[in-house]
Amino acid sequence: VNAYLGVPLTDLGVSFSFAILSLAAVTAAEKHQVKKESDRTSGCGRQVLSLWKYTITPIVALSFVLQFGWPGALFGATSFVLVLKIFRAVLLKLCWAGCPSPGEQMRVLLSGDSFPPKLDGVQNFARNTIQALVRDGHKVHVSCSNGSPTTHLAPENYGATVTRGPGVEVQPKHKITLPSPHFLVALMRFKPHIIQFFDFTPCAIFVVPFLWWLGIPVVISHHSRIDLYAAYVPGFIGDYSPQVVRAACEIVFPLVTGHLLIDGSQKDQSWFQGHANTRFWATGCDLEFFHPSKANPETRAICSNGRPDLPLVVFVGRLSPEKQVDKLIDLVKVTNLPGEPELCRFAIIGHGDSWESIHREIGNRPDVYMPGAVTGEQLASTVASADIFFSPTVTGTLDLVFIESQAAGIAVVGPRAVAVPLVVTDGVNDRLYDPLD
């Protein structure tokens, strides 16, 4: 601004100083106002603070930057701020249905990167959310980049409408949705009451500040520890990704209306501290789909490579580096040592970037079965036909597959990390081990 617009550094310093001091004073006054919430004048006080924070402060701060005479600068800043507020009000009217009245049918816009054909726990959450909302008579619209109307398990199959925008395919069947005008088109076409993001996606990083500026309620449900996932980004970018992601969380999360936490350990993260609307979203699964009755001798014989008499250990999940699935190679090799009697057989279910490297190491062994991705009734039968579910993952939240395996009636062995101890009590209903051991 100093170099290209010729604004003196003194004026910039005065502008920033006024803005920072003003916002600090208003923030302190707002915290004091919360303590006096029962005061009759609290409503009037909030309006005065809001007027000072969002109108007077930007006008005065901008006046110092504009290189006119003082009355002209004040008039120019006031005109700019008022035009911006009028533009915002018009855009809000076009994009938001307002607050629903009691008993009114809600309009919910869902967004994220976990929609079919991608298959994971978050996709199950999204699909179940769509089904529940539609069943209760609400309208649902999805903004994503994955799939098409004919894709298996697509949101259209469950009563939702969909706007698909551009995305980058980072894994087979998994696209990262890019921020684009398609999201604004979805807002204007659907006019939601509220917006929910499934996980803190790259699109959310850029869209949430825009929605906060408009004043549209936004909720983020947190299904993954993206700050931990960021460490597994390949190349030099991975060296800085965790810091960038944590900074984005600190900046963007306070702008969100509410947070839904899947993992009880998430509440200790700094970016959720002090947020007025942070709640837990209980994890669940389909108890009819995952059930001990789905066990099948033929499925067990296939998954054990013809040795159904041996204990069968199953892993179900995405085979990607951020899931620590390379530990499965070590587990297989130290469990069934060469020349020693086999202790068990392993069924590794799923696909991903690490599938080929794992298959190259252990996929051709007689004690390992690696069919790739398995879905539907075949998946339910595979889980119920095993004896033990094992997971090496310490970067997830509470993976649904833990509860699904318990529902199927098999033993669970998981790391003593993240939210696993919430559903696994060591030595009581399952077993825990030291992470990455």
Protein backbone atom coordinates (compact mmCIF):
# COMPACT_ATOMS: atom_id res chain seq x y z
CA VAL A 1 0.00 0.00 0.00
CA ASN A 2 2.85 2.34 0.80
CA ALA A 3 4.79 1.53 -2.37
CA TYR A 4 2.01 1.34 -4.96
CA LEU A 5 -0.64 3.70 -3.60
CA GLY A 6 1.65 6.23 -1.98
CA VAL A 7 0.03 6.05 1.45
CA PRO A 8 2.53 7.31 4.08
CA LEU A 9 3.64 4.76 6.64
CA THR A 10 2.56 7.18 9.37
CA ASP A 11 -1.03 7.12 8.13
CA LEU A 12 -0.95 3.35 7.84
CA GLY A 13 0.38 3.07 11.38
CA VAL A 14 -2.30 5.35 12.77
CA SER A 15 -5.01 3.43 10.87
CA PHE A 16 -3.88 0.01 12.06
CA SER A 17 -3.32 1.23 15.61
CA PHE A 18 -6.81 2.71 15.82
CA ALA A 19 -8.37 -0.45 14.38
CA ILE A 20 -6.49 -2.76 16.77
CA LEU A 21 -7.17 -0.64 19.87
CA SER A 22 -10.81 -0.18 18.91
CA LEU A 23 -11.39 -3.89 18.31
CA ALA A 24 -9.58 -4.78 21.54
CA ALA A 25 -11.76 -2.36 23.50
CA VAL A 26 -14.95 -3.68 21.88
CA THR A 27 -13.94 -7.30 22.56
CA ALA A 28 -13.32 -6.50 26.23
CA ALA A 29 -16.66 -4.70 26.42
CA GLU A 30 -18.42 -7.68 24.79
CA LYS A 31 -16.97 -10.09 27.36
CA HIS A 32 -18.12 -7.76 30.13
CA GLN A 33 -21.54 -7.59 28.47
CA VAL A 34 -21.87 -11.38 28.57
CA LYS A 35 -21.52 -11.32 32.35
CA LYS A 36 -24.38 -8.78 32.55
CA GLU A 37 -26.64 -10.70 30.18
CA SER A 38 -29.62 -10.35 32.54
CA ASP A 39 -29.40 -6.55 32.44
CA ARG A 40 -32.30 -4.96 30.53
CA THR A 41 -29.90 -2.68 28.71
CA SER A 42 -27.78 -5.57 27.42
CA GLY A 43 -29.62 -5.69 24.09
CA CYS A 44 -29.07 -1.98 23.48
CA GLY A 45 -25.46 -2.32 24.58
CA ARG A 46 -24.81 -5.13 22.10
CA GLN A 47 -26.23 -3.01 19.28
CA VAL A 48 -23.98 -0.08 20.18
CA LEU A 49 -20.91 -2.37 20.34
CA SER A 50 -21.82 -3.97 17.02
CA LEU A 51 -22.26 -0.53 15.39
CA TRP A 52 -18.88 0.60 16.67
CA LYS A 53 -17.15 -2.65 15.70
CA TYR A 54 -18.52 -3.15 12.19
CA THR A 55 -19.28 0.41 11.05
CA ILE A 56 -17.49 3.19 12.90
CA THR A 57 -14.15 1.39 13.27
CA PRO A 58 -13.74 0.58 9.53
CA ILE A 59 -14.89 4.08 8.53
CA VAL A 60 -12.39 5.86 10.79
CA ALA A 61 -9.56 3.43 10.00
CA LEU A 62 -10.14 3.84 6.26
CA SER A 63 -10.30 7.65 6.64
CA PHE A 64 -6.69 7.70 7.82
CA VAL A 65 -5.59 5.75 4.73
CA LEU A 66 -7.45 7.80 2.07
CA GLN A 67 -5.25 10.62 0.86
CA PHE A 68 -7.87 13.38 0.81
CA GLY A 69 -8.54 16.26 3.13
CA TRP A 70 -10.06 15.09 6.41
CA PRO A 71 -13.76 15.86 5.65
CA GLY A 72 -13.38 14.40 2.17
CA ALA A 73 -11.61 11.30 3.48
CA LEU A 74 -14.33 10.75 6.08
CA PHE A 75 -17.05 11.13 3.44
CA GLY A 76 -15.27 8.79 1.04
CA ALA A 77 -14.73 6.13 3.72
CA THR A 78 -18.36 6.40 4.85
CA SER A 79 -19.62 6.07 1.29
CA PHE A 80 -17.42 3.00 0.64
CA VAL A 81 -18.50 1.24 3.85
CA LEU A 82 -22.19 1.97 3.22
CA VAL A 83 -21.99 0.71 -0.38
CA LEU A 84 -20.27 -2.43 0.89
CA LYS A 85 -22.99 -2.94 3.52
CA ILE A 86 -25.73 -2.49 0.92
CA PHE A 87 -23.99 -5.02 -1.35
CA ARG A 88 -23.71 -7.45 1.56
CA ALA A 89 -27.39 -7.02 2.46
CA VAL A 90 -28.48 -7.69 -1.13
CA LEU A 91 -26.20 -10.73 -1.40
CA LEU A 92 -27.43 -12.07 1.95
CA LYS A 93 -31.03 -11.72 0.78
CA LEU A 94 -30.20 -13.75 -2.33
CA CYS A 95 -28.24 -16.48 -0.49
CA TRP A 96 -29.94 -17.02 2.88
CA ALA A 97 -33.45 -18.08 3.82
CA GLY A 98 -33.18 -16.44 7.25
CA CYS A 99 -33.84 -18.11 10.57
CA PRO A 100 -36.55 -20.80 10.36
CA SER A 101 -39.64 -20.31 12.47
CA PRO A 102 -40.63 -23.09 14.92
CA GLY A 103 -41.93 -26.11 13.02
CA GLU A 104 -40.74 -24.79 9.65
CA GLN A 105 -39.08 -27.18 7.23
CA MET A 106 -35.33 -26.56 7.40
CA ARG A 107 -33.12 -26.04 4.38
CA VAL A 108 -29.65 -27.48 5.00
CA LEU A 109 -26.69 -27.16 2.64
CA LEU A 110 -23.99 -29.81 3.14
CA SER A 111 -20.48 -29.53 1.74
CA GLY A 112 -17.28 -31.56 1.91
CA ASP A 113 -15.01 -33.97 0.08
CA SER A 114 -16.47 -37.22 1.46
CA PHE A 115 -19.26 -38.04 -0.94
CA PRO A 116 -19.52 -41.11 -3.22
CA PRO A 117 -17.74 -42.66 -4.99
CA LYS A 118 -15.35 -42.07 -2.08
CA LEU A 119 -15.99 -44.63 0.65
CA ASP A 120 -14.98 -43.89 4.24
CA GLY A 121 -16.45 -43.19 7.67
CA VAL A 122 -17.10 -39.53 6.89
CA GLN A 123 -19.07 -40.53 3.81
CA ASN A 124 -21.22 -42.75 6.07
CA PHE A 125 -21.83 -39.77 8.35
CA ALA A 126 -22.81 -37.59 5.39
CA ARG A 127 -25.13 -40.22 3.92
CA ASN A 128 -26.81 -40.93 7.26
CA THR A 129 -27.24 -37.19 7.86
CA ILE A 130 -28.94 -36.74 4.48
CA GLN A 131 -31.23 -39.71 5.13
CA ALA A 132 -32.19 -38.48 8.60
CA LEU A 133 -32.89 -34.91 7.50
CA VAL A 134 -34.95 -35.98 4.49
CA ARG A 135 -36.83 -38.52 6.61
CA ASP A 136 -37.77 -35.74 9.03
CA GLY A 137 -39.14 -33.61 6.20
CA HIS A 138 -36.24 -31.18 5.68
CA LYS A 139 -34.70 -30.07 2.39
CA VAL A 140 -31.04 -30.97 1.74
CA HIS A 141 -28.65 -29.67 -0.90
CA VAL A 142 -25.07 -30.89 -1.39
CA SER A 143 -22.16 -28.90 -2.78
CA CYS A 144 -19.22 -31.11 -3.76
CA SER A 145 -17.04 -32.24 -6.67
CA ASN A 146 -17.25 -36.02 -6.32
CA GLY A 147 -19.38 -38.40 -8.35
CA SER A 148 -22.40 -37.94 -10.58
CA PRO A 149 -26.18 -38.53 -10.28
CA THR A 150 -25.66 -42.13 -11.41
CA THR A 151 -22.90 -42.90 -8.87
CA HIS A 152 -23.68 -45.67 -6.39
CA LEU A 153 -24.89 -44.15 -3.07
CA ALA A 154 -24.96 -40.65 -4.61
CA PRO A 155 -26.82 -38.01 -2.52
CA GLU A 156 -29.53 -37.85 -5.19
CA ASN A 157 -30.51 -41.42 -4.28
CA TYR A 158 -31.54 -40.24 -0.80
CA GLY A 159 -33.59 -37.19 -1.73
CA ALA A 160 -30.91 -34.47 -1.83
CA THR A 161 -30.21 -32.09 -4.68
CA VAL A 162 -26.59 -31.53 -5.71
CA THR A 163 -24.39 -28.81 -7.22
CA ARG A 164 -21.06 -30.21 -8.40
CA GLY A 165 -18.11 -27.91 -8.94
CA PRO A 166 -14.47 -28.33 -9.90
CA GLY A 167 -12.15 -30.52 -7.87
CA VAL A 168 -8.71 -32.10 -7.92
CA GLU A 169 -8.46 -35.89 -7.74
CA VAL A 170 -5.83 -36.66 -5.09
CA GLN A 171 -6.64 -40.37 -4.79
CA PRO A 172 -8.74 -42.80 -6.79
CA LYS A 173 -12.41 -41.82 -6.29
CA HIS A 174 -11.43 -38.93 -4.00
CA LYS A 175 -11.56 -35.32 -5.15
CA ILE A 176 -10.66 -32.20 -3.19
CA THR A 177 -13.37 -29.62 -3.90
CA LEU A 178 -11.97 -26.26 -4.95
CA PRO A 179 -13.51 -22.92 -3.93
CA SER A 180 -15.35 -21.66 -6.99
CA PRO A 181 -18.45 -19.70 -8.12
CA HIS A 182 -20.34 -23.02 -8.06
CA PHE A 183 -20.67 -22.67 -4.28
CA LEU A 184 -22.22 -19.21 -4.66
CA VAL A 185 -24.55 -20.63 -7.32
CA ALA A 186 -25.58 -23.37 -4.87
CA LEU A 187 -26.30 -20.72 -2.22
CA MET A 188 -28.45 -18.64 -4.55
CA ARG A 189 -30.35 -21.61 -5.97
CA PHE A 190 -31.05 -23.31 -2.66
CA LYS A 191 -31.06 -20.44 -0.12
CA PRO A 192 -30.29 -22.55 2.99
CA HIS A 193 -31.06 -21.78 6.62
CA ILE A 194 -27.73 -23.27 7.70
CA ILE A 195 -24.58 -24.75 6.14
CA GLN A 196 -22.59 -27.73 7.41
CA PHE A 197 -19.09 -28.68 6.30
CA PHE A 198 -18.01 -32.28 6.81
CA ASP A 199 -14.43 -31.73 8.00
CA PHE A 200 -12.31 -28.62 7.62
CA THR A 201 -11.76 -28.93 3.88
CA PRO A 202 -9.61 -26.69 1.66
CA CYS A 203 -12.83 -25.22 0.27
CA ALA A 204 -14.01 -24.36 3.80
CA ILE A 205 -10.79 -22.46 4.51
CA PHE A 206 -11.73 -19.90 1.85
CA VAL A 207 -15.54 -20.08 1.98
CA VAL A 208 -16.08 -19.79 5.76
CA PRO A 209 -14.72 -16.20 6.02
CA PHE A 210 -17.05 -15.21 3.17
CA LEU A 211 -20.04 -16.82 4.89
CA TRP A 212 -19.08 -15.17 8.19
CA TRP A 213 -19.01 -11.79 6.44
CA LEU A 214 -22.46 -12.46 5.00
CA GLY A 215 -23.76 -13.63 8.37
CA ILE A 216 -24.97 -17.11 7.32
CA PRO A 217 -24.81 -19.74 10.14
CA VAL A 218 -22.08 -22.33 9.52
CA VAL A 219 -21.32 -25.57 11.35
CA ILE A 220 -18.23 -27.74 10.87
CA SER A 221 -18.24 -31.38 11.96
CA HIS A 222 -14.70 -32.57 12.66
CA HIS A 223 -14.16 -36.19 11.64
CA SER A 224 -10.38 -36.15 11.08
CA ARG A 225 -7.30 -34.77 12.78
CA ILE A 226 -6.27 -32.76 9.74
CA ASP A 227 -3.41 -31.19 11.67
CA LEU A 228 -1.92 -34.70 11.96
CA TYR A 229 -2.84 -35.68 8.40
CA ALA A 230 -0.94 -32.64 7.14
CA ALA A 231 2.35 -34.17 8.28
CA TYR A 232 1.90 -36.92 5.66
CA VAL A 233 1.72 -34.56 2.66
CA PRO A 234 4.58 -35.69 0.39
CA GLY A 235 7.55 -33.50 -0.53
CA PHE A 236 8.75 -30.24 0.95
CA ILE A 237 5.15 -29.05 1.34
CA GLY A 238 4.71 -31.64 4.10
CA ASP A 239 7.44 -29.92 6.13
CA TYR A 240 5.28 -26.82 6.52
CA SER A 241 1.74 -28.20 6.14
CA PRO A 242 1.10 -28.86 9.88
CA GLN A 243 1.99 -25.28 10.81
CA VAL A 244 -0.11 -23.86 7.96
CA VAL A 245 -3.11 -26.02 8.87
CA ARG A 246 -2.89 -25.11 12.56
CA ALA A 247 -2.68 -21.41 11.68
CA ALA A 248 -5.74 -21.77 9.44
CA CYS A 249 -7.61 -23.48 12.29
CA GLU A 250 -6.75 -20.68 14.71
CA ILE A 251 -7.90 -18.01 12.25
CA VAL A 252 -10.99 -19.60 10.69
CA PHE A 253 -12.58 -21.60 13.53
CA PRO A 254 -13.65 -18.53 15.58
CA LEU A 255 -15.66 -17.39 12.52
CA VAL A 256 -17.82 -20.55 12.60
CA THR A 257 -21.20 -20.55 14.33
CA GLY A 258 -20.69 -24.00 15.87
CA HIS A 259 -18.41 -27.03 15.93
CA LEU A 260 -19.43 -30.70 16.16
CA LEU A 261 -16.65 -32.89 17.59
CA ILE A 262 -16.57 -36.61 16.88
CA ASP A 263 -13.54 -37.26 19.08
CA GLY A 264 -13.53 -36.39 22.77
CA SER A 265 -9.82 -35.59 22.63
CA GLN A 266 -10.46 -32.77 20.16
CA LYS A 267 -11.83 -30.48 22.88
CA ASP A 268 -8.28 -29.99 24.18
CA GLN A 269 -7.07 -28.45 20.93
CA SER A 270 -6.39 -24.72 21.27
CA TRP A 271 -8.62 -23.64 18.40
CA PHE A 272 -11.73 -24.96 20.18
CA GLN A 273 -10.91 -23.30 23.48
CA GLY A 274 -13.39 -20.61 24.45
CA HIS A 275 -15.76 -21.22 21.54
CA ALA A 276 -19.30 -20.64 22.74
CA ASN A 277 -20.91 -23.39 20.68
CA THR A 278 -18.86 -26.60 20.66
CA ARG A 279 -20.74 -29.89 21.02
CA PHE A 280 -20.10 -33.59 20.69
CA TRP A 281 -21.71 -35.56 17.89
CA ALA A 282 -22.18 -39.16 18.98
CA THR A 283 -20.85 -41.76 16.58
CA GLY A 284 -23.13 -44.64 15.63
CA CYS A 285 -23.58 -47.40 13.08
CA ASP A 286 -26.29 -49.50 11.48
CA LEU A 287 -26.91 -52.35 13.95
CA GLU A 288 -28.93 -54.32 11.42
CA PHE A 289 -26.27 -54.08 8.71
CA PHE A 290 -23.36 -54.94 11.04
CA HIS A 291 -24.55 -57.96 13.00
CA PRO A 292 -23.10 -61.34 14.08
CA SER A 293 -25.73 -63.08 11.94
CA LYS A 294 -23.88 -61.88 8.82
CA ALA A 295 -21.04 -64.35 9.53
CA ASN A 296 -20.63 -66.79 6.64
CA PRO A 297 -18.41 -69.93 6.52
CA GLU A 298 -17.75 -69.41 2.80
CA THR A 299 -16.67 -65.81 3.36
CA ARG A 300 -14.38 -66.92 6.19
CA ALA A 301 -12.83 -69.60 3.99
CA ILE A 302 -12.14 -67.06 1.24
CA CYS A 303 -10.72 -64.39 3.58
CA SER A 304 -8.47 -66.92 5.32
CA ASN A 305 -7.17 -68.33 2.01
CA GLY A 306 -8.59 -71.76 2.80
CA ARG A 307 -7.66 -71.94 6.51
CA PRO A 308 -10.91 -71.11 8.36
CA ASP A 309 -9.62 -73.11 11.34
CA LEU A 310 -7.06 -70.37 12.15
CA PRO A 311 -8.02 -67.10 13.86
CA LEU A 312 -8.83 -64.42 11.26
CA VAL A 313 -7.63 -60.84 11.81
CA VAL A 314 -9.27 -58.18 9.63
CA PHE A 315 -8.35 -54.58 8.86
CA VAL A 316 -10.90 -52.37 7.08
CA GLY A 317 -9.99 -48.86 5.98
CA ARG A 318 -8.21 -46.59 3.54
CA LEU A 319 -4.72 -47.84 2.76
CA SER A 320 -2.91 -44.50 2.81
CA PRO A 321 0.31 -43.37 4.55
CA GLU A 322 -1.55 -41.03 6.93
CA LYS A 323 -3.35 -44.09 8.34
CA GLN A 324 -0.03 -45.70 9.42
CA VAL A 325 -0.99 -48.81 7.43
CA ASP A 326 2.68 -49.64 6.81
CA LYS A 327 2.57 -51.09 10.33
CA LEU A 328 0.41 -53.90 8.93
CA ILE A 329 3.49 -55.19 7.09
CA ASP A 330 5.46 -55.39 10.32
CA LEU A 331 2.54 -57.00 12.14
CA VAL A 332 2.16 -59.80 9.59
CA LYS A 333 5.90 -60.51 9.47
CA VAL A 334 6.43 -60.70 13.25
CA THR A 335 3.23 -62.68 13.88
CA ASN A 336 3.79 -65.51 11.41
CA LEU A 337 7.54 -66.08 11.42
CA PRO A 338 9.15 -68.24 8.69
CA GLY A 339 9.43 -71.87 9.72
CA GLU A 340 7.07 -71.41 12.68
CA PRO A 341 3.42 -72.59 12.92
CA GLU A 342 0.99 -69.94 11.72
CA LEU A 343 -0.81 -68.11 14.53
CA CYS A 344 -3.54 -66.55 12.37
CA ARG A 345 -4.57 -65.31 8.94
CA PHE A 346 -4.95 -61.65 7.85
CA ALA A 347 -7.60 -60.03 5.66
CA ILE A 348 -6.64 -56.46 4.66
CA ILE A 349 -9.71 -54.79 3.19
CA GLY A 350 -9.51 -51.44 1.43
CA HIS A 351 -7.65 -49.50 -1.21
CA GLY A 352 -5.49 -46.38 -1.42
CA ASP A 353 -2.05 -45.03 -2.22
CA SER A 354 -0.31 -47.65 -0.07
CA TRP A 355 -2.12 -50.70 -1.46
CA GLU A 356 0.54 -51.56 -4.05
CA SER A 357 3.49 -51.17 -1.67
CA ILE A 358 1.77 -53.32 0.99
CA HIS A 359 0.75 -55.91 -1.59
CA ARG A 360 4.29 -56.03 -2.91
CA GLU A 361 5.62 -56.80 0.58
CA ILE A 362 3.04 -59.25 1.91
CA GLY A 363 0.18 -59.55 -0.60
CA ASN A 364 1.42 -62.82 -2.10
CA ARG A 365 1.86 -64.57 1.24
CA PRO A 366 -0.58 -67.45 1.91
CA ASP A 367 -1.55 -65.91 5.25
CA VAL A 368 -2.67 -62.58 3.73
CA TYR A 369 -5.82 -61.80 1.74
CA MET A 370 -5.97 -58.39 0.00
CA PRO A 371 -9.07 -58.06 -2.24
CA GLY A 372 -9.07 -54.24 -2.35
CA ALA A 373 -12.22 -52.28 -1.57
CA VAL A 374 -15.24 -54.30 -0.39
CA THR A 375 -18.70 -52.79 0.07
CA GLY A 376 -22.30 -53.66 0.87
CA GLU A 377 -23.36 -57.03 2.24
CA GLN A 378 -19.99 -58.52 1.34
CA LEU A 379 -18.32 -56.05 3.73
CA ALA A 380 -20.76 -56.84 6.53
CA SER A 381 -20.17 -60.57 6.02
CA THR A 382 -16.39 -60.12 5.93
CA VAL A 383 -16.31 -58.26 9.25
CA ALA A 384 -18.70 -60.65 11.00
CA SER A 385 -16.80 -63.70 9.70
CA ALA A 386 -13.51 -62.58 11.28
CA ASP A 387 -12.35 -63.02 14.88
CA ILE A 388 -10.41 -59.83 15.50
CA PHE A 389 -10.45 -56.34 14.02
CA PHE A 390 -7.09 -54.58 14.23
CA SER A 391 -6.22 -50.94 13.47
CA PRO A 392 -2.82 -49.21 13.47
CA THR A 393 -4.26 -45.72 12.88
CA VAL A 394 -3.53 -42.89 15.33
CA THR A 395 -4.42 -39.90 13.13
CA GLY A 396 -8.15 -40.51 12.83
CA THR A 397 -10.83 -39.54 15.32
CA LEU A 398 -13.12 -42.37 16.37
CA ASP A 399 -13.17 -44.47 13.21
CA LEU A 400 -16.63 -45.94 12.68
CA VAL A 401 -15.11 -49.32 11.90
CA PHE A 402 -14.35 -49.83 15.62
CA ILE A 403 -18.04 -49.65 16.53
CA GLU A 404 -19.06 -51.54 13.40
CA SER A 405 -16.72 -54.41 14.35
CA GLN A 406 -18.12 -54.46 17.89
CA ALA A 407 -21.64 -54.53 16.46
CA ALA A 408 -20.62 -57.47 14.27
CA GLY A 409 -19.61 -59.36 17.41
CA ILE A 410 -15.85 -59.61 16.89
CA ALA A 411 -12.99 -58.55 19.17
CA VAL A 412 -11.33 -55.18 18.60
CA VAL A 413 -7.66 -54.32 19.08
CA GLY A 414 -6.80 -50.64 18.71
CA PRO A 415 -4.24 -48.03 19.77
CA ARG A 416 -4.52 -46.23 23.08
CA ALA A 417 -4.90 -42.93 21.21
CA VAL A 418 -7.38 -40.30 20.05
CA ALA A 419 -10.95 -41.43 20.84
CA VAL A 420 -10.47 -45.22 20.71
CA PRO A 421 -10.42 -45.55 24.53
CA LEU A 422 -13.92 -44.02 24.59
CA VAL A 423 -15.35 -47.26 23.18
CA VAL A 424 -12.62 -49.75 24.11
CA THR A 425 -11.88 -50.56 27.74
CA ASP A 426 -8.68 -52.57 27.81
CA GLY A 427 -9.29 -56.09 29.03
CA VAL A 428 -13.03 -55.54 29.52
CA ASN A 429 -14.67 -55.39 26.10
CA ASP A 430 -11.57 -55.31 23.86
CA ARG A 431 -7.83 -54.62 23.98
CA LEU A 432 -5.65 -51.50 23.64
CA TYR A 433 -1.95 -51.28 22.81
CA ASP A 434 0.69 -48.54 22.85
CA PRO A 435 0.34 -46.47 19.63
CA LEU A 436 2.60 -47.52 16.73
CA ASP A 437 3.93 -50.54 18.66
